[in-house]
């Protein structure tokens, strides 16, 4: 029968390998992304890779499949398993070579998603507040109240590299004392889940509620990063506006030596000690102690650095798609050409995974300030505009507007609702769920009608536009560019009339154009309209406020 034939084939492979066994043969090693408790992507070819003795034969066995490969001269090998259906059955995956074997246990098959970006993706569950407050002590850990044996999580160690790396390390501890580069089961009160991405956690839970299959999440986020950090070097080299930034940072890396940095630090320490003594004598607060300057090439914002150390090593891994939340640090940065590099993130990752239309969900950053302000044209809405343009230009991308949940700083606390919006996109566009609207309304056209501006929006399934308060968040200006609060009325399901008695000849309209915006335009299904403007072209730097 078929089972007997499979057993016979397996024994023949083992017997074939036995003569190849040698004393001191290297135990075959799997890449770090493979460990106990992992999830493999269902219904796609599954690539398994690692290292063995040079030119050695390698056999991988999992879920009734046995595949062979021959290691290259450098010991690298890769095999591809046939697609496997989702399964919550705990199974072993074994790799055998030259008489030695490696096994990982409790392997499930389901849906695997990559999480990326900066601190709003990285923000852990223990930090997340249920209101506008913040849990700011690590011992105030969010108690999940239940185990999630079907949810498996991994955090990739945060590293930057000047060259593409083939792998990352395992067992390096993160800030919560949890090993990175290794899979964990989402168990109640375990530090691995309480320290894991809150946004990612809610994405995983809601995915499972809809799909009822194991969920694997790999978090590659790193707080404080700019878009250029997540581009490939090839992508950055294709952007002329990035050349100056790259040259500057590479020059700093070329000039750095450990010996030179230590010598400079020792000189700074001597000066610091003298200033501390002087401060004490004057009964003043002492200055901060200088730190040893690290290698600039290992900085989180070295061009392509995190991409080469954290994304490139995963490039063979089969996965369903990406959720990406980044852009806040580009608000503060003036060197990274974000309009180009943000798009470069999507194309770089898709090229690395050899998936030109890898599903990629973009979270638009939201505002931060002490209070909502009708019109305050900072750099923030420009960043949001560039993010939306990237979504419109790139196929198979989702887009989540989150501006209705701002905070006093750049870390909004509400994550569950934002995850739900992302899942509406995934359910509709990735998993084919019918009758589900997912995208926020977006401005489609504008025309002047006397003293009014008529705005028409593109909505999913012709959803109605709702105005939920006054002021709605709209401002209007004439040719003098002086914006004032605008009145608004609904003309039909997807159109609004906007005007002000102070602007008899209107030329342009802006909405939610502020550091922390007033936003009261929504779709009928509750999704907020994102920031927009009807004027075109680059906004002069003189018009952008701090």
Protein backbone atom coordinates (compact mmCIF):
# COMPACT_ATOMS: atom_id res chain seq x y z
CA UNK A 1 0.00 0.00 0.00
CA UNK A 2 0.97 3.67 -0.17
CA UNK A 3 2.15 3.86 3.48
CA UNK A 4 4.38 0.80 3.03
CA UNK A 5 5.89 2.30 -0.11
CA UNK A 6 6.66 5.56 1.73
CA UNK A 7 8.32 3.68 4.62
CA UNK A 8 10.38 1.63 2.15
CA UNK A 9 11.49 4.80 0.33
CA UNK A 10 12.51 6.42 3.61
CA UNK A 11 14.57 3.41 4.66
CA UNK A 12 16.30 3.34 1.27
CA UNK A 13 17.27 7.01 1.73
CA UNK A 14 18.64 6.30 5.21
CA UNK A 15 20.64 3.31 3.95
CA UNK A 16 21.95 5.43 1.07
CA UNK A 17 23.15 8.09 3.52
CA UNK A 18 24.76 5.71 6.03
CA UNK A 19 27.97 5.10 4.03
CA UNK A 20 28.38 8.87 3.81
CA UNK A 21 28.57 9.26 7.58
CA UNK A 22 31.99 10.36 8.75
CA UNK A 23 33.59 10.80 12.11
CA UNK A 24 33.09 14.36 13.28
CA UNK A 25 30.44 15.11 10.66
CA UNK A 26 28.68 18.41 11.17
CA UNK A 27 25.17 18.19 12.56
CA UNK A 28 22.92 19.78 9.92
CA UNK A 29 21.79 23.24 10.98
CA UNK A 30 18.52 24.89 10.15
CA UNK A 31 18.29 28.65 9.60
CA UNK A 32 17.30 30.49 12.78
CA UNK A 33 13.73 31.11 11.63
CA UNK A 34 13.12 27.37 12.12
CA UNK A 35 12.65 26.33 15.75
CA UNK A 36 10.31 24.39 18.03
CA UNK A 37 6.70 25.69 18.11
CA UNK A 38 6.86 27.37 14.71
CA UNK A 39 4.14 27.72 12.06
CA UNK A 40 4.76 26.97 8.39
CA UNK A 41 2.70 28.65 5.67
CA UNK A 42 -0.18 26.53 4.37
CA UNK A 43 -1.04 25.93 0.71
CA UNK A 44 2.27 27.24 -0.64
CA UNK A 45 5.59 25.56 -1.46
CA UNK A 46 7.60 25.55 1.77
CA UNK A 47 11.30 26.31 1.54
CA UNK A 48 13.51 24.82 4.26
CA UNK A 49 17.19 25.76 4.37
CA UNK A 50 20.31 25.77 6.46
CA UNK A 51 23.91 24.50 6.56
CA UNK A 52 25.61 21.12 6.55
CA UNK A 53 28.99 19.72 5.58
CA UNK A 54 30.14 21.01 2.17
CA UNK A 55 28.72 18.92 -0.69
CA UNK A 56 26.88 16.63 1.77
CA UNK A 57 23.47 15.14 0.96
CA UNK A 58 20.62 16.47 3.09
CA UNK A 59 17.21 14.91 3.72
CA UNK A 60 14.25 16.87 5.14
CA UNK A 61 11.19 15.01 6.41
CA UNK A 62 7.91 16.58 7.48
CA UNK A 63 4.19 15.73 7.33
CA UNK A 64 4.75 12.58 5.28
CA UNK A 65 7.06 14.26 2.78
CA UNK A 66 10.73 13.48 2.30
CA UNK A 67 12.87 15.78 0.16
CA UNK A 68 16.58 15.64 -0.65
CA UNK A 69 19.19 18.25 -1.56
CA UNK A 70 22.95 18.52 -1.83
CA UNK A 71 24.79 21.16 0.16
CA UNK A 72 26.85 23.62 -1.82
CA UNK A 73 30.59 24.04 -1.43
CA UNK A 74 29.97 26.53 1.41
CA UNK A 75 27.58 24.09 3.11
CA UNK A 76 24.39 25.97 2.28
CA UNK A 77 21.37 23.90 1.26
CA UNK A 78 17.69 24.44 0.49
CA UNK A 79 14.81 22.04 -0.14
CA UNK A 80 11.22 22.82 -1.10
CA UNK A 81 8.33 20.88 0.37
CA UNK A 82 5.08 20.57 -1.55
CA UNK A 83 2.18 22.71 -0.30
CA UNK A 84 0.54 21.43 2.88
CA UNK A 85 -2.97 22.07 4.18
CA UNK A 86 -3.50 23.85 7.49
CA UNK A 87 -3.06 21.61 10.50
CA UNK A 88 -3.01 22.17 14.25
CA UNK A 89 -1.40 18.75 14.72
CA UNK A 90 1.92 19.01 16.55
CA UNK A 91 4.53 17.39 14.29
CA UNK A 92 8.30 17.04 14.08
CA UNK A 93 10.47 18.28 11.23
CA UNK A 94 13.78 16.43 10.84
CA UNK A 95 16.91 17.15 8.83
CA UNK A 96 19.43 14.35 8.29
CA UNK A 97 22.89 14.57 6.75
CA UNK A 98 25.99 12.36 6.93
CA UNK A 99 24.55 10.25 9.73
CA UNK A 100 23.67 13.21 11.95
CA UNK A 101 20.23 14.74 12.38
CA UNK A 102 18.46 17.82 13.71
CA UNK A 103 14.84 17.88 14.83
CA UNK A 104 12.41 20.68 15.64
CA UNK A 105 9.17 19.80 17.40
CA UNK A 106 5.60 21.03 17.73
CA UNK A 107 5.46 22.41 14.19
CA UNK A 108 2.04 23.57 12.95
CA UNK A 109 0.83 24.62 9.51
CA UNK A 110 -1.35 27.69 9.00
CA UNK A 111 -1.08 31.37 8.14
CA UNK A 112 2.21 33.26 8.62
CA UNK A 113 2.46 37.06 8.51
CA UNK A 114 5.45 39.36 8.84
CA UNK A 115 5.18 42.42 11.07
CA UNK A 116 7.39 45.40 10.31
CA UNK A 117 7.99 49.07 10.97
CA UNK A 118 8.93 51.06 14.04
CA UNK A 119 7.69 51.54 17.60
CA UNK A 120 3.95 51.59 16.92
CA UNK A 121 4.30 48.06 15.59
CA UNK A 122 6.88 47.10 18.20
CA UNK A 123 4.85 48.50 21.15
CA UNK A 124 4.32 45.49 23.45
CA UNK A 125 1.15 44.33 25.14
CA UNK A 126 2.40 45.32 28.58
CA UNK A 127 2.72 48.93 27.33
CA UNK A 128 -0.72 49.13 25.77
CA UNK A 129 -3.43 50.95 27.74
CA UNK A 130 -7.14 50.35 27.21
CA UNK A 131 -7.81 54.09 27.31
CA UNK A 132 -5.67 57.13 26.67
CA UNK A 133 -3.43 56.17 29.54
CA UNK A 134 -0.24 54.15 29.47
CA UNK A 135 0.93 51.11 31.36
CA UNK A 136 4.43 52.35 32.01
CA UNK A 137 5.87 49.71 34.33
CA UNK A 138 7.03 46.31 33.17
CA UNK A 139 5.48 44.65 36.21
CA UNK A 140 2.07 45.99 35.10
CA UNK A 141 1.74 43.26 32.51
CA UNK A 142 -1.43 42.77 30.58
CA UNK A 143 -3.01 39.45 31.56
CA UNK A 144 -4.47 37.75 28.53
CA UNK A 145 -6.64 35.45 30.61
CA UNK A 146 -6.19 32.44 28.37
CA UNK A 147 -3.64 30.44 26.42
CA UNK A 148 -3.61 30.63 22.63
CA UNK A 149 -1.95 27.34 21.59
CA UNK A 150 -2.69 28.10 17.94
CA UNK A 151 -0.83 31.48 18.03
CA UNK A 152 2.94 31.24 17.62
CA UNK A 153 5.21 34.29 17.75
CA UNK A 154 8.82 35.16 16.95
CA UNK A 155 10.76 38.40 17.37
CA UNK A 156 13.76 38.87 15.10
CA UNK A 157 16.78 40.35 16.94
CA UNK A 158 17.20 44.04 16.19
CA UNK A 159 20.38 44.50 14.21
CA UNK A 160 21.81 46.58 11.38
CA UNK A 161 24.47 45.42 8.97
CA UNK A 162 26.48 47.01 6.20
CA UNK A 163 26.30 43.78 4.22
CA UNK A 164 23.37 41.36 3.69
CA UNK A 165 23.41 38.63 6.36
CA UNK A 166 22.50 35.03 5.71
CA UNK A 167 21.04 34.48 9.17
CA UNK A 168 20.34 36.11 12.51
CA UNK A 169 21.16 34.91 16.01
CA UNK A 170 18.98 32.90 18.35
CA UNK A 171 18.47 33.32 22.10
CA UNK A 172 19.65 36.92 22.33
CA UNK A 173 17.49 38.47 25.07
CA UNK A 174 15.21 41.42 24.36
CA UNK A 175 14.23 44.12 26.85
CA UNK A 176 11.77 41.76 28.53
CA UNK A 177 14.35 39.02 28.96
CA UNK A 178 12.76 36.87 26.23
CA UNK A 179 14.91 35.06 23.69
CA UNK A 180 14.69 36.53 20.19
CA UNK A 181 15.09 34.56 16.99
CA UNK A 182 13.00 31.72 18.42
CA UNK A 183 9.31 30.75 18.26
CA UNK A 184 7.06 30.74 21.32
CA UNK A 185 3.51 29.63 22.04
CA UNK A 186 1.27 32.52 23.12
CA UNK A 187 0.68 31.34 26.67
CA UNK A 188 -1.07 33.29 29.42
CA UNK A 189 1.25 35.57 31.40
CA UNK A 190 4.34 34.37 29.50
CA UNK A 191 6.78 37.23 28.95
CA UNK A 192 7.09 36.24 25.29
CA UNK A 193 3.50 37.33 24.60
CA UNK A 194 3.26 40.21 27.08
CA UNK A 195 6.40 41.66 25.44
CA UNK A 196 5.17 40.97 21.90
CA UNK A 197 3.68 43.52 19.52
CA UNK A 198 0.22 44.53 20.80
CA UNK A 199 -0.93 45.35 17.28
CA UNK A 200 0.43 42.04 16.07
CA UNK A 201 -1.30 40.17 18.87
CA UNK A 202 -4.71 41.61 17.97
CA UNK A 203 -4.09 40.89 14.29
CA UNK A 204 -3.29 37.27 15.15
CA UNK A 205 -6.30 36.80 17.40
CA UNK A 206 -8.71 38.26 14.86
CA UNK A 207 -7.17 36.23 12.02
CA UNK A 208 -7.76 33.05 13.97
CA UNK A 209 -11.34 34.04 14.78
CA UNK A 210 -12.08 34.22 11.05
CA UNK A 211 -9.86 31.45 9.66
CA UNK A 212 -9.73 28.90 12.50
CA UNK A 213 -6.20 27.81 11.53
CA UNK A 214 -2.84 28.19 13.34
CA UNK A 215 -1.37 31.68 13.09
CA UNK A 216 2.33 32.52 13.01
CA UNK A 217 3.62 36.08 13.46
CA UNK A 218 7.24 37.18 12.89
CA UNK A 219 7.99 40.64 14.28
CA UNK A 220 10.80 42.52 12.55
CA UNK A 221 9.92 46.01 13.82
CA UNK A 222 12.45 48.37 15.42
CA UNK A 223 11.49 51.62 17.11
CA UNK A 224 13.02 54.86 15.88
CA UNK A 225 13.75 53.69 12.33
CA UNK A 226 13.32 55.69 9.12
CA UNK A 227 12.10 54.25 5.83
CA UNK A 228 15.59 54.16 4.30
CA UNK A 229 16.61 51.62 6.93
CA UNK A 230 14.08 49.13 5.53
CA UNK A 231 15.03 49.54 1.86
CA UNK A 232 17.46 47.24 0.11
CA UNK A 233 20.71 48.87 -0.94
CA UNK A 234 19.71 48.29 -4.56
CA UNK A 235 16.51 50.26 -3.96
CA UNK A 236 18.35 53.16 -2.29
CA UNK A 237 20.93 53.33 -5.06
CA UNK A 238 18.09 53.81 -7.55
CA UNK A 239 16.89 56.95 -5.69
CA UNK A 240 19.06 59.98 -6.63
CA UNK A 241 17.68 61.99 -3.70
CA UNK A 242 19.11 59.41 -1.28
CA UNK A 243 22.70 59.71 -2.53
CA UNK A 244 23.73 62.53 -0.17
CA UNK A 245 22.33 60.75 2.89
CA UNK A 246 24.06 57.50 1.95
CA UNK A 247 27.41 59.20 1.31
CA UNK A 248 27.28 61.04 4.63
CA UNK A 249 26.50 57.93 6.66
CA UNK A 250 28.97 55.74 4.82
CA UNK A 251 31.72 58.31 5.36
CA UNK A 252 31.01 58.25 9.10
CA UNK A 253 31.15 54.45 9.10
CA UNK A 254 34.40 54.44 7.12
CA UNK A 255 36.01 56.88 9.54
CA UNK A 256 35.00 54.99 12.68
CA UNK A 257 37.38 52.61 14.44
CA UNK A 258 36.94 51.07 17.85
CA UNK A 259 40.34 52.34 18.94
CA UNK A 260 39.58 55.85 17.75
CA UNK A 261 36.16 55.87 19.41
CA UNK A 262 37.65 54.70 22.70
CA UNK A 263 40.39 57.35 22.58
CA UNK A 264 37.81 60.06 21.97
CA UNK A 265 35.62 58.69 24.78
CA UNK A 266 38.49 58.68 27.25
CA UNK A 267 39.22 62.32 26.42
CA UNK A 268 35.54 63.17 26.87
CA UNK A 269 35.51 61.32 30.21
CA UNK A 270 38.42 63.39 31.50
CA UNK A 271 36.68 66.60 30.49
CA UNK A 272 33.40 65.34 31.99
CA UNK A 273 35.06 64.59 35.34
CA UNK A 274 36.40 68.14 35.45
CA UNK A 275 32.96 69.58 34.66
CA UNK A 276 31.32 67.35 37.32
CA UNK A 277 33.76 68.68 39.92
CA UNK A 278 33.06 72.25 38.85
CA UNK A 279 29.29 71.65 39.00
CA UNK A 280 29.51 70.24 42.50
CA UNK A 281 31.63 73.17 43.64
CA UNK A 282 28.99 75.54 42.26
CA UNK A 283 26.16 73.44 43.76
CA UNK A 284 24.77 72.75 40.28
CA UNK A 285 23.51 69.58 38.63
CA UNK A 286 26.35 67.59 37.05
CA UNK A 287 26.40 67.03 33.26
CA UNK A 288 25.51 63.66 31.77
CA UNK A 289 28.26 61.10 31.41
CA UNK A 290 29.54 60.68 27.84
CA UNK A 291 29.09 57.33 26.12
CA UNK A 292 31.38 55.36 23.86
CA UNK A 293 30.30 56.11 20.30
CA UNK A 294 29.23 52.89 18.54
CA UNK A 295 29.97 51.83 14.99
CA UNK A 296 27.73 54.02 12.75
CA UNK A 297 27.18 51.02 10.44
CA UNK A 298 25.33 49.29 13.29
CA UNK A 299 22.99 52.20 13.85
CA UNK A 300 19.30 51.41 13.34
CA UNK A 301 19.09 54.09 10.65
CA UNK A 302 22.14 53.14 8.64
CA UNK A 303 20.88 52.97 5.04
CA UNK A 304 19.55 49.44 4.37
CA UNK A 305 21.11 48.29 7.67
CA UNK A 306 18.07 46.67 9.34
CA UNK A 307 16.85 45.34 5.99
CA UNK A 308 20.14 43.50 5.48
CA UNK A 309 20.27 42.10 9.03
CA UNK A 310 16.60 41.38 9.72
CA UNK A 311 14.68 41.00 6.43
CA UNK A 312 17.22 39.53 4.04
CA UNK A 313 17.85 36.43 6.23
CA UNK A 314 14.11 35.60 5.97
CA UNK A 315 13.89 35.92 2.19
CA UNK A 316 13.35 32.20 1.48
CA UNK A 317 10.59 31.85 4.06
CA UNK A 318 7.08 31.24 2.75
CA UNK A 319 4.52 33.62 4.19
CA UNK A 320 1.15 35.14 3.40
CA UNK A 321 1.95 38.84 3.64
CA UNK A 322 3.15 41.86 5.61
CA UNK A 323 1.67 44.37 8.05
CA UNK A 324 3.85 47.51 8.16
CA UNK A 325 3.57 50.55 10.47
CA UNK A 326 6.29 53.19 10.00
CA UNK A 327 6.73 56.87 9.27
CA UNK A 328 6.88 58.76 12.56
CA UNK A 329 10.65 59.08 12.56
CA UNK A 330 10.60 60.48 9.06
CA UNK A 331 8.65 63.38 10.54
CA UNK A 332 11.80 64.29 12.48
CA UNK A 333 14.29 63.33 9.75
CA UNK A 334 15.25 65.74 6.97
CA UNK A 335 17.71 63.55 5.01
CA UNK A 336 15.68 60.48 4.03
CA UNK A 337 13.59 61.20 0.88
CA UNK A 338 10.49 59.54 2.35
CA UNK A 339 8.26 60.00 -0.70
CA UNK A 340 10.59 57.60 -2.53
CA UNK A 341 11.99 55.41 0.23
CA UNK A 342 8.60 54.53 1.70
CA UNK A 343 7.57 53.00 -1.62
CA UNK A 344 11.01 51.41 -1.70
CA UNK A 345 10.20 49.47 1.46
CA UNK A 346 7.36 47.64 -0.29
CA UNK A 347 9.29 46.95 -3.49
CA UNK A 348 12.44 45.90 -1.56
CA UNK A 349 10.60 43.35 0.54
CA UNK A 350 8.66 41.98 -2.40
CA UNK A 351 11.86 41.59 -4.39
CA UNK A 352 13.60 39.86 -1.48
CA UNK A 353 10.77 37.34 -1.09
CA UNK A 354 10.49 36.93 -4.86
CA UNK A 355 6.80 37.85 -4.64
CA UNK A 356 5.96 40.89 -6.84
CA UNK A 357 2.47 41.20 -5.36
CA UNK A 358 3.10 40.03 -1.82
CA UNK A 359 0.10 41.37 0.17
CA UNK A 360 1.36 44.42 2.06
CA UNK A 361 -0.80 46.37 4.50
CA UNK A 362 0.29 49.96 5.23
CA UNK A 363 -0.74 51.68 8.45
CA UNK A 364 -0.96 55.44 8.01
CA UNK A 365 0.55 57.18 11.02
CA UNK A 366 -1.81 59.24 13.17
CA UNK A 367 -1.33 62.61 14.81
CA UNK A 368 0.03 63.54 18.19
CA UNK A 369 -0.30 66.71 20.27
CA UNK A 370 -2.07 67.90 23.40
CA UNK A 371 -5.34 68.71 21.62
CA UNK A 372 -7.11 68.54 18.27
CA UNK A 373 -6.51 71.64 16.14
CA UNK A 374 -8.51 72.50 13.02
CA UNK A 375 -5.58 73.67 10.90
CA UNK A 376 -1.91 73.39 11.78
CA UNK A 377 0.11 72.57 8.63
CA UNK A 378 3.12 70.71 10.00
CA UNK A 379 5.10 68.02 8.20
CA UNK A 380 2.78 65.31 9.56
CA UNK A 381 -0.01 65.50 6.95
CA UNK A 382 2.65 65.54 4.24
CA UNK A 383 4.03 62.25 5.58
CA UNK A 384 0.48 60.87 5.63
CA UNK A 385 -0.08 62.05 2.06
CA UNK A 386 3.08 60.30 0.85
CA UNK A 387 1.96 57.10 2.55
CA UNK A 388 -1.41 57.24 0.82
CA UNK A 389 0.21 57.92 -2.55
CA UNK A 390 2.42 54.87 -2.05
CA UNK A 391 -0.69 52.76 -1.47
CA UNK A 392 -2.35 54.11 -4.61
CA UNK A 393 0.77 53.49 -6.71
CA UNK A 394 1.51 49.95 -5.51
CA UNK A 395 -0.77 46.99 -6.26
CA UNK A 396 -1.94 44.51 -3.62
CA UNK A 397 -1.47 46.97 -0.77
CA UNK A 398 -3.92 47.59 2.04
CA UNK A 399 -4.22 50.96 3.73
CA UNK A 400 -5.38 51.67 7.28
CA UNK A 401 -6.26 55.21 8.36
CA UNK A 402 -5.80 55.61 12.11
CA UNK A 403 -6.03 59.37 12.56
CA UNK A 404 -9.19 59.21 14.70
CA UNK A 405 -7.17 57.66 17.55
CA UNK A 406 -4.42 60.23 18.23
CA UNK A 407 -2.40 60.58 21.41
CA UNK A 408 -0.32 63.17 23.24
CA UNK A 409 2.84 61.57 21.83
CA UNK A 410 3.69 59.46 18.79
CA UNK A 411 2.46 56.22 20.42
CA UNK A 412 -1.34 55.92 20.19
CA UNK A 413 -2.67 53.43 22.72
CA UNK A 414 -5.58 51.99 20.74
CA UNK A 415 -4.42 48.92 18.83
CA UNK A 416 -7.39 46.53 18.78
CA UNK A 417 -9.53 48.75 16.53
CA UNK A 418 -6.64 49.46 14.17
CA UNK A 419 -5.98 45.72 13.88
CA UNK A 420 -9.63 45.18 13.02
CA UNK A 421 -9.37 47.67 10.16
CA UNK A 422 -6.31 45.89 8.80
CA UNK A 423 -8.12 42.57 9.02
CA UNK A 424 -11.02 43.92 6.97
CA UNK A 425 -8.51 44.42 4.15
CA UNK A 426 -6.95 40.99 4.62
CA UNK A 427 -10.29 39.21 4.79
CA UNK A 428 -11.59 40.92 1.66
CA UNK A 429 -8.51 41.17 -0.54
CA UNK A 430 -6.24 38.33 0.62
CA UNK A 431 -8.76 35.71 1.71
CA UNK A 432 -11.58 36.63 -0.67
CA UNK A 433 -14.38 37.23 1.82
CA UNK A 434 -17.38 38.63 -0.04
CA UNK A 435 -19.53 41.59 0.93
CA UNK A 436 -16.92 43.23 3.14
CA UNK A 437 -15.83 46.85 2.73
CA UNK A 438 -12.37 47.70 4.00
CA UNK A 439 -10.91 50.97 2.72
CA UNK A 440 -11.41 54.51 3.95
CA UNK A 441 -13.09 56.88 1.50
CA UNK A 442 -10.61 58.87 -0.60
CA UNK A 443 -11.01 62.09 -2.56
CA UNK A 444 -11.76 61.33 -6.20
CA UNK A 445 -12.53 64.69 -7.78
CA UNK A 446 -13.13 68.35 -7.00
CA UNK A 447 -14.79 71.18 -8.90
CA UNK A 448 -15.82 74.72 -8.11
CA UNK A 449 -19.49 75.67 -8.25
CA UNK A 450 -19.73 79.40 -7.58
CA UNK A 451 -18.76 80.03 -3.99
CA UNK A 452 -18.70 76.31 -3.19
CA UNK A 453 -16.24 73.49 -3.79
CA UNK A 454 -17.87 70.16 -4.64
CA UNK A 455 -15.89 67.15 -3.42
CA UNK A 456 -16.62 63.63 -4.66
CA UNK A 457 -15.18 60.58 -2.91
CA UNK A 458 -14.35 57.08 -4.01
CA UNK A 459 -15.94 54.69 -1.54
CA UNK A 460 -16.13 50.92 -1.37
CA UNK A 461 -19.48 49.54 -2.54
CA UNK A 462 -20.71 53.12 -2.92
CA UNK A 463 -20.80 53.60 0.84
CA UNK A 464 -22.22 56.89 2.02
CA UNK A 465 -20.04 59.68 3.43
CA UNK A 466 -21.13 60.81 6.89
CA UNK A 467 -20.36 64.11 8.63
CA UNK A 468 -20.16 63.39 12.36
CA UNK A 469 -19.85 66.80 13.95
CA UNK A 470 -19.04 70.45 13.54
CA UNK A 471 -16.45 71.58 12.64
CA UNK A 472 -15.94 68.67 10.32
CA UNK A 473 -12.20 69.27 9.90
CA UNK A 474 -12.34 71.06 6.55
CA UNK A 475 -10.70 74.40 5.75
CA UNK A 476 -11.00 76.46 2.58
CA UNK A 477 -8.92 79.18 0.92
CA UNK A 478 -8.92 81.49 -2.04
CA UNK A 479 -5.97 82.40 -4.22
CA UNK A 480 -4.31 84.13 -1.26
CA UNK A 481 -3.79 80.73 0.42
CA UNK A 482 -5.32 81.86 3.72
CA UNK A 483 -7.32 78.93 5.06
CA UNK A 484 -10.40 79.40 7.24
CA UNK A 485 -12.89 77.00 8.76
CA UNK A 486 -15.31 75.66 6.17
CA UNK A 487 -18.96 74.69 6.35
CA UNK A 488 -20.07 71.44 4.77
CA UNK A 489 -23.23 69.69 3.67
CA UNK A 490 -23.88 66.29 2.12
CA UNK A 491 -24.92 66.58 -1.54
CA UNK A 492 -25.42 62.88 -2.21
CA UNK A 493 -24.03 59.57 -0.95
CA UNK A 494 -20.47 60.31 -1.95
CA UNK A 495 -20.31 64.08 -2.46
CA UNK A 496 -19.96 67.10 -0.20
CA UNK A 497 -20.36 70.84 -0.75
CA UNK A 498 -17.78 72.93 1.09
CA UNK A 499 -17.80 76.72 1.51
CA UNK A 500 -17.17 79.71 3.75
CA UNK A 501 -18.80 83.11 3.68
CA UNK A 502 -15.29 84.53 4.18
CA UNK A 503 -14.04 83.02 0.90
CA UNK A 504 -16.34 84.11 -1.98
CA UNK A 505 -13.98 82.71 -4.64
CA UNK A 506 -12.60 79.45 -3.26
CA UNK A 507 -9.63 77.76 -4.88
CA UNK A 508 -8.62 74.93 -2.56
CA UNK A 509 -9.77 72.78 0.33
CA UNK A 510 -7.82 70.83 2.90
CA UNK A 511 -9.04 68.27 5.40
CA UNK A 512 -7.50 67.09 8.67
CA UNK A 513 -4.40 69.08 7.76
CA UNK A 514 -2.97 69.38 11.23
CA UNK A 515 -0.55 67.88 13.74
CA UNK A 516 -3.49 66.43 15.67
CA UNK A 517 -6.45 66.87 13.41
CA UNK A 518 -10.16 67.42 13.77
CA UNK A 519 -11.59 64.53 11.74
CA UNK A 520 -15.32 64.02 11.46
CA UNK A 521 -15.76 62.54 7.98
CA UNK A 522 -16.44 58.80 7.98
CA UNK A 523 -17.78 56.05 5.79
CA UNK A 524 -21.10 54.47 6.70
CA UNK A 525 -19.19 51.46 8.02
CA UNK A 526 -17.17 53.62 10.40
CA UNK A 527 -13.86 54.14 8.61
CA UNK A 528 -12.36 57.64 8.82
CA UNK A 529 -11.50 59.73 5.77
CA UNK A 530 -7.76 60.38 5.77
CA UNK A 531 -6.07 63.77 5.34
CA UNK A 532 -6.31 65.29 1.87
CA UNK A 533 -5.89 68.53 -0.03
CA UNK A 534 -7.21 69.67 -3.39
CA UNK A 535 -4.19 71.83 -4.23
CA UNK A 536 -1.39 70.04 -6.07
CA UNK A 537 2.36 70.25 -6.08
CA UNK A 538 4.94 70.42 -3.34
CA UNK A 539 4.10 72.58 -0.34
CA UNK A 540 6.85 75.22 0.17
CA UNK A 541 8.98 74.72 3.27
CA UNK A 542 8.04 78.24 4.40
CA UNK A 543 4.43 77.09 4.79
CA UNK A 544 5.28 74.07 6.97
CA UNK A 545 5.13 74.81 10.67
CA UNK A 546 7.03 73.11 13.45
